[in-house]
Amino acid sequence: MLSFDQICDRRNTDSTKWDRYESRYGLRDVVPLWVADMDFPCMEEVQNAVIRRAGHPVYGYTDVGKDLVRAVIDWESRQHHIEVSEEEIVWNTGVVYGFYTLIEWLVRPEEKVIVQPPVYPPFFRTPESLGRRVVYSPLRRNGDVWEMDLEDFEAKLKADPSIRMFLLCNPHNPVGRCWSRDELEKLLDLCGRYGLYVVSDEIHADIVFPGTKHVSVLACDGCRNDRVILLGSATKTFNLAGLKISYAIVKNPALGRKFAAIAKACGLSSVNLFAMEAMKAAYRHGDTWKDACVSYIYKNFRFMENYLKEKAPEIDFSIPQATYLGWMDMGALPMPENFCERLKREGHVEFQAGEGFGDAYADFLRVNLACPRRTLEEGLCRMTAWLKENGCLT
């Protein structure tokens, strides 16, 4: 019987999410609703696979086996309707490390990367850390829906021929959009005409809610396969981030071979042996667990939507199409400066500050709903209590 209501105490496990408060801030009881990992226990088949492998007393160098390759191929076909061959898979320790390697390799120092804010911070911080300049084509907000501004996107490409790579977030973090086939094909056509590499982060592709579906760039008729690279992983879907494993799918054989050689040389493809077992078990046996997990998260979103309508209607919030991340607009409230930091220190609940996703989004908070409902409710209660105490809510 699957139960996502189970409270799994992660304290004293060196958890990034739970164990930093006392040592960094002198706080002991903060509810963390910020970083994007789950508070649900891993599915039993994943735990058993790791335990079984740990039972062998030798943990030496390990190659990716055919069974794991087959599991990835079958999962991508079954879940995302894209056909993948073994030769098209390049192993990575993580999606952000894949960004780093691809940018360093494919974007010359004088060239640029284009992104669509508000977006997950490594999309612009990674190229900046490598000395590459970033061009911003912001998403456009149309009521509750965030849309690509393709006119602005093309104008940026036309004005600056030094833009060499586009980092696509699909589904989008933090606004939760599943891009439509039409949007993606228009975007891919633009990138093809202007000679851009397209790196599509599809790590949230499995977490999609009723009424919509994920469309992979590799499933689009307009896909320019020779310059498109997909980055995927089981780590968000099955909460394996600490095990360090992901993969790229590269349809261009020459590009794939070169990427694989670079990944091997720099250690990017040296994935953890326990991660291999965990991903294999997840992709072989995880369909039912995944569906149940997504259903639970969607119910968390419905709970949060109803809670805010009743307790804090001034907060602009709607259920996204995908991901387990909510995007709250606090702009209608008289919020003090540094309110996210104050919520943590005074209200004992932490969200992800909106300005981290782009300078224009300081009025927003990102919230992680992949947790037991009691945890979510406690965090929301603390938030609304702090807002009332500080005159932000009536």
Protein backbone atom coordinates (compact mmCIF):
# COMPACT_ATOMS: atom_id res chain seq x y z
CA MET A 1 0.00 0.00 0.00
CA LEU A 2 1.56 3.31 -1.10
CA SER A 3 1.40 6.08 1.49
CA PHE A 4 2.84 9.50 0.79
CA ASP A 5 1.48 10.83 4.08
CA GLN A 6 4.27 9.05 5.97
CA ILE A 7 6.57 11.50 7.75
CA CYS A 8 10.16 10.46 7.06
CA ASP A 9 12.50 12.26 9.45
CA ARG A 10 15.51 13.38 7.41
CA ARG A 11 17.30 15.21 10.20
CA ASN A 12 20.83 14.06 11.04
CA THR A 13 21.34 12.58 7.55
CA ASP A 14 23.36 15.58 6.27
CA SER A 15 20.27 16.57 4.30
CA THR A 16 20.74 19.82 2.37
CA LYS A 17 17.08 20.53 2.92
CA TRP A 18 16.76 19.81 6.65
CA ASP A 19 20.16 19.81 8.37
CA ARG A 20 21.60 23.24 7.66
CA TYR A 21 19.48 25.39 9.96
CA GLU A 22 21.09 24.87 13.35
CA SER A 23 24.69 25.04 12.11
CA ARG A 24 24.16 28.04 9.78
CA TYR A 25 21.39 30.03 11.42
CA GLY A 26 20.99 28.77 14.99
CA LEU A 27 17.45 27.58 14.15
CA ARG A 28 16.02 24.19 14.98
CA ASP A 29 12.46 23.88 13.73
CA VAL A 30 12.27 25.42 10.25
CA VAL A 31 9.86 23.80 7.77
CA PRO A 32 11.87 23.68 4.50
CA LEU A 33 9.72 24.10 1.39
CA TRP A 34 12.49 25.36 -0.86
CA VAL A 35 15.02 23.04 -2.56
CA ALA A 36 13.62 20.65 -5.18
CA ASP A 37 13.85 17.24 -3.64
CA MET A 38 11.07 15.08 -2.19
CA ASP A 39 10.39 14.19 1.42
CA PHE A 40 8.80 10.89 0.37
CA PRO A 41 10.64 7.62 0.99
CA CYS A 42 11.95 6.04 -2.19
CA MET A 43 9.90 3.23 -3.68
CA GLU A 44 10.61 -0.17 -2.16
CA GLU A 45 12.14 -1.63 -5.33
CA VAL A 46 14.74 1.16 -5.40
CA GLN A 47 15.65 0.67 -1.75
CA ASN A 48 15.94 -3.09 -2.23
CA ALA A 49 18.12 -2.69 -5.32
CA VAL A 50 20.58 -0.45 -3.45
CA ILE A 51 20.62 -2.73 -0.41
CA ARG A 52 21.16 -5.79 -2.60
CA ARG A 53 24.12 -4.17 -4.36
CA ALA A 54 25.55 -2.97 -1.03
CA GLY A 55 25.51 -6.59 0.10
CA HIS A 56 28.39 -7.32 -2.26
CA PRO A 57 31.52 -6.24 -0.34
CA VAL A 58 33.46 -4.82 -3.32
CA TYR A 59 32.60 -1.32 -4.53
CA GLY A 60 35.16 -0.92 -7.29
CA TYR A 61 35.04 0.74 -10.69
CA THR A 62 31.76 -0.11 -12.39
CA ASP A 63 30.56 0.28 -15.97
CA VAL A 64 27.02 1.07 -17.06
CA GLY A 65 25.44 -2.26 -17.98
CA LYS A 66 23.13 -3.21 -20.81
CA ASP A 67 20.20 -3.63 -18.40
CA LEU A 68 20.33 0.04 -17.36
CA VAL A 69 20.63 1.19 -20.96
CA ARG A 70 17.59 -0.91 -21.85
CA ALA A 71 15.66 0.51 -18.89
CA VAL A 72 16.28 4.08 -20.08
CA ILE A 73 15.35 3.26 -23.67
CA ASP A 74 12.12 1.56 -22.57
CA TRP A 75 11.19 4.37 -20.15
CA GLU A 76 11.66 7.11 -22.74
CA SER A 77 9.60 5.16 -25.24
CA ARG A 78 6.84 4.24 -22.78
CA GLN A 79 6.57 7.55 -20.95
CA HIS A 80 7.63 10.20 -23.48
CA HIS A 81 7.10 8.51 -26.85
CA ILE A 82 10.62 9.01 -28.13
CA GLU A 83 12.78 6.30 -29.61
CA VAL A 84 16.37 6.14 -28.35
CA SER A 85 19.28 3.87 -29.25
CA GLU A 86 22.15 2.90 -26.98
CA GLU A 87 24.61 4.93 -29.06
CA GLU A 88 22.59 8.11 -28.47
CA ILE A 89 22.89 8.00 -24.65
CA VAL A 90 25.71 9.89 -22.93
CA TRP A 91 25.87 9.36 -19.16
CA ASN A 92 26.19 12.30 -16.74
CA THR A 93 26.44 12.71 -12.99
CA GLY A 94 23.82 15.46 -13.14
CA VAL A 95 21.93 17.79 -15.46
CA VAL A 96 23.71 20.95 -14.26
CA TYR A 97 27.10 19.28 -14.78
CA GLY A 98 25.88 18.48 -18.29
CA PHE A 99 25.11 22.18 -18.81
CA TYR A 100 28.60 23.08 -17.65
CA THR A 101 30.34 20.64 -19.98
CA LEU A 102 28.22 21.48 -23.03
CA ILE A 103 28.60 25.23 -22.61
CA GLU A 104 32.35 24.97 -22.10
CA TRP A 105 32.63 22.80 -25.22
CA LEU A 106 30.13 24.31 -27.68
CA VAL A 107 30.03 28.01 -26.77
CA ARG A 108 33.22 29.95 -27.43
CA PRO A 109 34.23 32.58 -24.84
CA GLU A 110 33.06 35.42 -27.08
CA GLU A 111 29.68 33.75 -27.73
CA LYS A 112 26.48 33.84 -25.67
CA VAL A 113 23.70 31.72 -24.21
CA ILE A 114 20.01 32.67 -24.29
CA VAL A 115 17.50 31.74 -21.55
CA GLN A 116 13.86 32.46 -20.65
CA PRO A 117 13.42 33.88 -17.13
CA PRO A 118 12.04 33.38 -14.59
CA VAL A 119 14.09 30.21 -14.73
CA TYR A 120 16.06 27.80 -12.53
CA PRO A 121 19.20 29.75 -11.49
CA PRO A 122 21.86 27.42 -13.01
CA PHE A 123 20.47 28.30 -16.45
CA PHE A 124 22.18 31.68 -16.22
CA ARG A 125 24.67 31.15 -13.39
CA THR A 126 26.42 28.24 -15.11
CA PRO A 127 27.29 30.13 -18.32
CA GLU A 128 28.25 33.19 -16.26
CA SER A 129 30.61 31.05 -14.16
CA LEU A 130 32.31 30.03 -17.41
CA GLY A 131 32.69 33.62 -18.58
CA ARG A 132 29.91 33.41 -21.18
CA ARG A 133 27.43 36.26 -21.38
CA VAL A 134 23.72 35.52 -21.05
CA VAL A 135 20.90 37.01 -23.12
CA TYR A 136 17.45 37.08 -21.54
CA SER A 137 14.17 36.59 -23.40
CA PRO A 138 11.63 36.71 -20.55
CA LEU A 139 8.47 34.66 -20.54
CA ARG A 140 5.29 36.67 -20.97
CA ARG A 141 2.53 36.42 -18.38
CA ASN A 142 -1.01 36.18 -19.74
CA GLY A 143 -3.32 35.96 -16.72
CA ASP A 144 -2.48 32.71 -14.97
CA VAL A 145 -0.51 31.38 -17.95
CA TRP A 146 3.13 32.01 -18.73
CA GLU A 147 3.98 31.99 -22.44
CA MET A 148 7.08 32.17 -24.59
CA ASP A 149 7.57 35.55 -26.25
CA LEU A 150 8.74 34.23 -29.61
CA GLU A 151 8.81 37.68 -31.19
CA ASP A 152 11.22 38.89 -28.54
CA PHE A 153 13.21 35.63 -28.81
CA GLU A 154 13.69 36.06 -32.57
CA ALA A 155 14.48 39.75 -32.19
CA LYS A 156 17.27 38.85 -29.74
CA LEU A 157 18.68 36.26 -32.15
CA LYS A 158 18.47 38.64 -35.11
CA ALA A 159 20.18 41.44 -33.20
CA ASP A 160 23.01 39.33 -31.82
CA PRO A 161 24.59 36.65 -34.06
CA SER A 162 26.97 35.72 -31.23
CA ILE A 163 24.17 33.81 -29.44
CA ARG A 164 25.18 30.19 -29.87
CA MET A 165 23.12 28.13 -27.41
CA PHE A 166 19.59 28.09 -26.02
CA LEU A 167 18.93 26.43 -22.66
CA LEU A 168 15.31 25.23 -22.66
CA CYS A 169 13.46 24.26 -19.47
CA ASN A 170 10.79 21.71 -20.48
CA PRO A 171 8.64 21.48 -18.36
CA HIS A 172 9.52 24.88 -17.01
CA ASN A 173 10.88 25.47 -13.52
CA PRO A 174 9.49 27.50 -11.72
CA VAL A 175 6.32 28.45 -13.66
CA GLY A 176 5.30 24.84 -14.31
CA ARG A 177 4.42 25.12 -18.00
CA CYS A 178 4.39 22.10 -20.30
CA TRP A 179 5.26 23.65 -23.63
CA SER A 180 2.91 22.72 -26.46
CA ARG A 181 4.08 21.01 -29.62
CA ASP A 182 3.32 24.16 -31.58
CA GLU A 183 5.39 26.35 -29.25
CA LEU A 184 8.30 23.94 -29.32
CA GLU A 185 8.29 23.51 -33.08
CA LYS A 186 8.27 27.27 -33.65
CA LEU A 187 11.10 27.64 -31.15
CA LEU A 188 13.13 24.83 -32.71
CA ASP A 189 12.61 26.33 -36.14
CA LEU A 190 13.99 29.67 -34.93
CA CYS A 191 16.99 28.01 -33.30
CA GLY A 192 17.65 26.01 -36.46
CA ARG A 193 17.48 29.08 -38.71
CA TYR A 194 19.88 31.03 -36.50
CA GLY A 195 22.28 28.13 -35.95
CA LEU A 196 21.81 27.60 -32.19
CA TYR A 197 22.47 24.51 -30.17
CA VAL A 198 19.38 23.59 -28.12
CA VAL A 199 19.93 21.96 -24.74
CA SER A 200 16.58 20.84 -23.32
CA ASP A 201 16.40 20.11 -19.59
CA GLU A 202 13.53 17.61 -19.31
CA ILE A 203 14.22 16.44 -15.76
CA HIS A 204 10.63 17.22 -14.67
CA ALA A 205 9.06 15.47 -17.66
CA ASP A 206 7.40 12.71 -15.62
CA ILE A 207 5.61 15.03 -13.17
CA VAL A 208 2.68 16.22 -15.28
CA PHE A 209 -0.87 16.86 -14.04
CA PRO A 210 -4.32 16.04 -15.47
CA GLY A 211 -5.38 17.89 -18.58
CA THR A 212 -1.95 18.30 -20.13
CA LYS A 213 1.00 16.26 -21.38
CA HIS A 214 4.71 16.63 -21.75
CA VAL A 215 6.04 17.01 -25.29
CA SER A 216 9.74 16.26 -25.64
CA VAL A 217 11.82 18.26 -28.08
CA LEU A 218 12.84 14.93 -29.59
CA ALA A 219 9.19 14.15 -30.35
CA CYS A 220 8.71 17.32 -32.41
CA ASP A 221 8.55 17.26 -36.20
CA GLY A 222 10.50 20.49 -36.27
CA CYS A 223 13.38 19.09 -34.23
CA ARG A 224 16.82 19.90 -35.66
CA ASN A 225 18.38 16.68 -34.43
CA ASP A 226 21.90 17.67 -35.42
CA ARG A 227 22.02 20.47 -32.81
CA VAL A 228 19.52 19.31 -30.16
CA ILE A 229 20.57 17.65 -26.91
CA LEU A 230 18.10 16.37 -24.32
CA LEU A 231 19.07 16.09 -20.66
CA GLY A 232 17.01 13.69 -18.56
CA SER A 233 17.14 11.81 -15.29
CA ALA A 234 15.17 9.76 -12.79
CA THR A 235 16.37 11.95 -9.94
CA LYS A 236 13.34 14.28 -9.66
CA THR A 237 10.71 11.63 -10.37
CA PHE A 238 12.09 9.07 -7.93
CA ASN A 239 14.04 11.33 -5.52
CA LEU A 240 17.54 10.04 -6.33
CA ALA A 241 19.42 13.36 -6.41
CA GLY A 242 21.97 12.29 -3.80
CA LEU A 243 23.03 9.31 -5.93
CA LYS A 244 24.25 11.48 -8.86
CA ILE A 245 23.06 10.09 -12.17
CA SER A 246 21.53 11.52 -15.35
CA TYR A 247 21.87 11.14 -19.08
CA ALA A 248 21.91 13.06 -22.33
CA ILE A 249 20.26 11.92 -25.56
CA VAL A 250 22.14 13.13 -28.62
CA LYS A 251 20.75 12.24 -32.05
CA ASN A 252 23.71 13.61 -34.02
CA PRO A 253 26.23 10.71 -34.05
CA ALA A 254 29.34 12.90 -34.39
CA LEU A 255 28.14 15.28 -31.66
CA GLY A 256 27.26 12.33 -29.42
CA ARG A 257 30.63 10.65 -29.85
CA LYS A 258 32.50 13.87 -29.06
CA PHE A 259 30.32 14.59 -26.02
CA ALA A 260 30.85 11.02 -24.75
CA ALA A 261 34.62 11.40 -25.14
CA ILE A 262 34.63 14.71 -23.26
CA ALA A 263 32.35 13.30 -20.55
CA LYS A 264 34.68 10.35 -20.05
CA ALA A 265 37.81 12.49 -19.99
CA CYS A 266 36.50 14.89 -17.35
CA GLY A 267 34.73 12.26 -15.23
CA LEU A 268 31.22 13.48 -16.06
CA SER A 269 30.13 10.01 -17.15
CA SER A 270 31.50 8.24 -14.04
CA VAL A 271 28.13 7.69 -12.44
CA ASN A 272 27.72 6.14 -9.01
CA LEU A 273 27.34 2.35 -8.89
CA PHE A 274 24.39 2.57 -6.47
CA ALA A 275 22.78 5.17 -8.72
CA MET A 276 22.88 2.69 -11.59
CA GLU A 277 20.99 0.11 -9.56
CA ALA A 278 18.49 2.69 -8.29
CA MET A 279 17.70 4.09 -11.74
CA LYS A 280 17.38 0.63 -13.24
CA ALA A 281 14.86 -0.39 -10.56
CA ALA A 282 12.96 2.90 -10.86
CA TYR A 283 12.60 2.73 -14.63
CA ARG A 284 11.77 -0.98 -14.64
CA HIS A 285 9.23 -1.00 -11.82
CA GLY A 286 8.27 2.63 -11.20
CA ASP A 287 5.24 3.31 -13.41
CA THR A 288 2.64 2.68 -10.69
CA TRP A 289 4.64 4.47 -7.98
CA LYS A 290 5.21 7.45 -10.27
CA ASP A 291 1.53 7.76 -11.11
CA ALA A 292 0.57 7.56 -7.43
CA CYS A 293 3.21 10.13 -6.47
CA VAL A 294 2.09 12.59 -9.14
CA SER A 295 -1.53 12.13 -8.04
CA TYR A 296 -0.59 12.91 -4.43
CA ILE A 297 1.38 16.00 -5.42
CA TYR A 298 -1.54 17.23 -7.53
CA LYS A 299 -3.82 16.85 -4.50
CA ASN A 300 -1.27 18.87 -2.51
CA PHE A 301 -1.59 21.61 -5.11
CA ARG A 302 -5.37 21.54 -4.83
CA PHE A 303 -5.06 21.70 -1.04
CA MET A 304 -2.72 24.67 -1.27
CA GLU A 305 -4.94 26.47 -3.79
CA ASN A 306 -7.95 26.12 -1.48
CA TYR A 307 -5.91 27.07 1.60
CA LEU A 308 -4.67 30.30 0.02
CA LYS A 309 -8.11 31.23 -1.33
CA GLU A 310 -9.43 31.00 2.22
CA LYS A 311 -6.51 32.29 4.30
CA ALA A 312 -4.58 34.57 1.95
CA PRO A 313 -6.61 35.44 -1.16
CA GLU A 314 -4.27 38.35 -1.93
CA ILE A 315 -1.57 35.83 -2.91
CA ASP A 316 -1.78 35.12 -6.64
CA PHE A 317 -1.38 31.37 -7.09
CA SER A 318 -2.59 28.78 -9.57
CA ILE A 319 -1.88 25.09 -10.03
CA PRO A 320 0.86 24.51 -12.63
CA GLN A 321 0.74 21.99 -15.44
CA ALA A 322 3.85 20.15 -14.26
CA THR A 323 6.65 19.84 -11.67
CA TYR A 324 6.13 19.72 -7.90
CA LEU A 325 7.04 23.41 -7.58
CA GLY A 326 4.53 26.19 -6.98
CA TRP A 327 5.10 29.84 -7.95
CA MET A 328 3.43 32.34 -5.61
CA ASP A 329 3.06 35.99 -6.56
CA MET A 330 3.15 38.10 -3.39
CA GLY A 331 3.11 41.40 -5.28
CA ALA A 332 -0.36 42.48 -4.13
CA LEU A 333 0.73 42.35 -0.47
CA PRO A 334 2.68 45.10 1.33
CA MET A 335 5.73 42.88 1.77
CA PRO A 336 8.81 44.15 3.62
CA GLU A 337 12.30 43.89 2.18
CA ASN A 338 14.02 40.51 2.51
CA PHE A 339 10.71 38.89 3.35
CA CYS A 340 11.87 35.41 2.31
CA GLU A 341 14.81 35.60 4.72
CA ARG A 342 12.57 36.95 7.46
CA LEU A 343 10.04 34.18 6.88
CA LYS A 344 12.84 31.70 7.55
CA ARG A 345 14.29 33.38 10.63
CA GLU A 346 11.10 34.71 12.23
CA GLY A 347 8.35 32.54 10.75
CA HIS A 348 10.42 29.33 10.73
CA VAL A 349 9.42 28.35 7.19
CA GLU A 350 11.65 28.61 4.14
CA PHE A 351 10.72 29.08 0.50
CA GLN A 352 12.94 29.79 -2.52
CA ALA A 353 13.25 33.54 -3.06
CA GLY A 354 11.92 34.69 -6.42
CA GLU A 355 14.83 37.01 -7.23
CA GLY A 356 17.03 33.92 -7.59
CA PHE A 357 15.14 33.15 -10.80
CA GLY A 358 15.71 36.61 -12.26
CA ASP A 359 15.97 40.17 -10.98
CA ALA A 360 12.40 41.03 -11.98
CA TYR A 361 10.82 38.37 -9.76
CA ALA A 362 11.51 39.58 -6.23
CA ASP A 363 7.78 39.52 -5.45
CA PHE A 364 7.60 35.75 -5.99
CA LEU A 365 8.26 32.68 -3.87
CA ARG A 366 8.84 29.15 -5.12
CA VAL A 367 7.39 26.39 -2.94
CA ASN A 368 8.11 22.65 -3.01
CA LEU A 369 4.95 20.53 -2.63
CA ALA A 370 6.63 17.10 -2.78
CA CYS A 371 6.10 16.45 0.90
CA PRO A 372 3.47 14.94 3.20
CA ARG A 373 0.39 17.15 3.40
CA ARG A 374 0.93 17.79 7.10
CA THR A 375 4.33 19.30 6.32
CA LEU A 376 2.86 21.50 3.60
CA GLU A 377 -0.01 22.62 5.82
CA GLU A 378 2.34 23.46 8.68
CA GLY A 379 4.53 25.52 6.37
CA LEU A 380 1.56 27.42 4.94
CA CYS A 381 0.17 28.04 8.43
CA ARG A 382 3.51 29.50 9.54
CA MET A 383 3.66 31.68 6.45
CA THR A 384 0.17 33.13 6.88
CA ALA A 385 0.73 33.64 10.63
CA TRP A 386 3.92 35.61 9.92
CA LEU A 387 2.19 37.65 7.21
CA LYS A 388 -0.58 38.61 9.63
CA GLU A 389 1.84 39.44 12.44
CA ASN A 390 3.75 41.76 10.10
CA GLY A 391 0.72 43.55 8.69
CA CYS A 392 0.91 41.94 5.25
CA LEU A 393 -2.47 40.20 5.58
CA THR A 394 -5.64 41.54 7.12
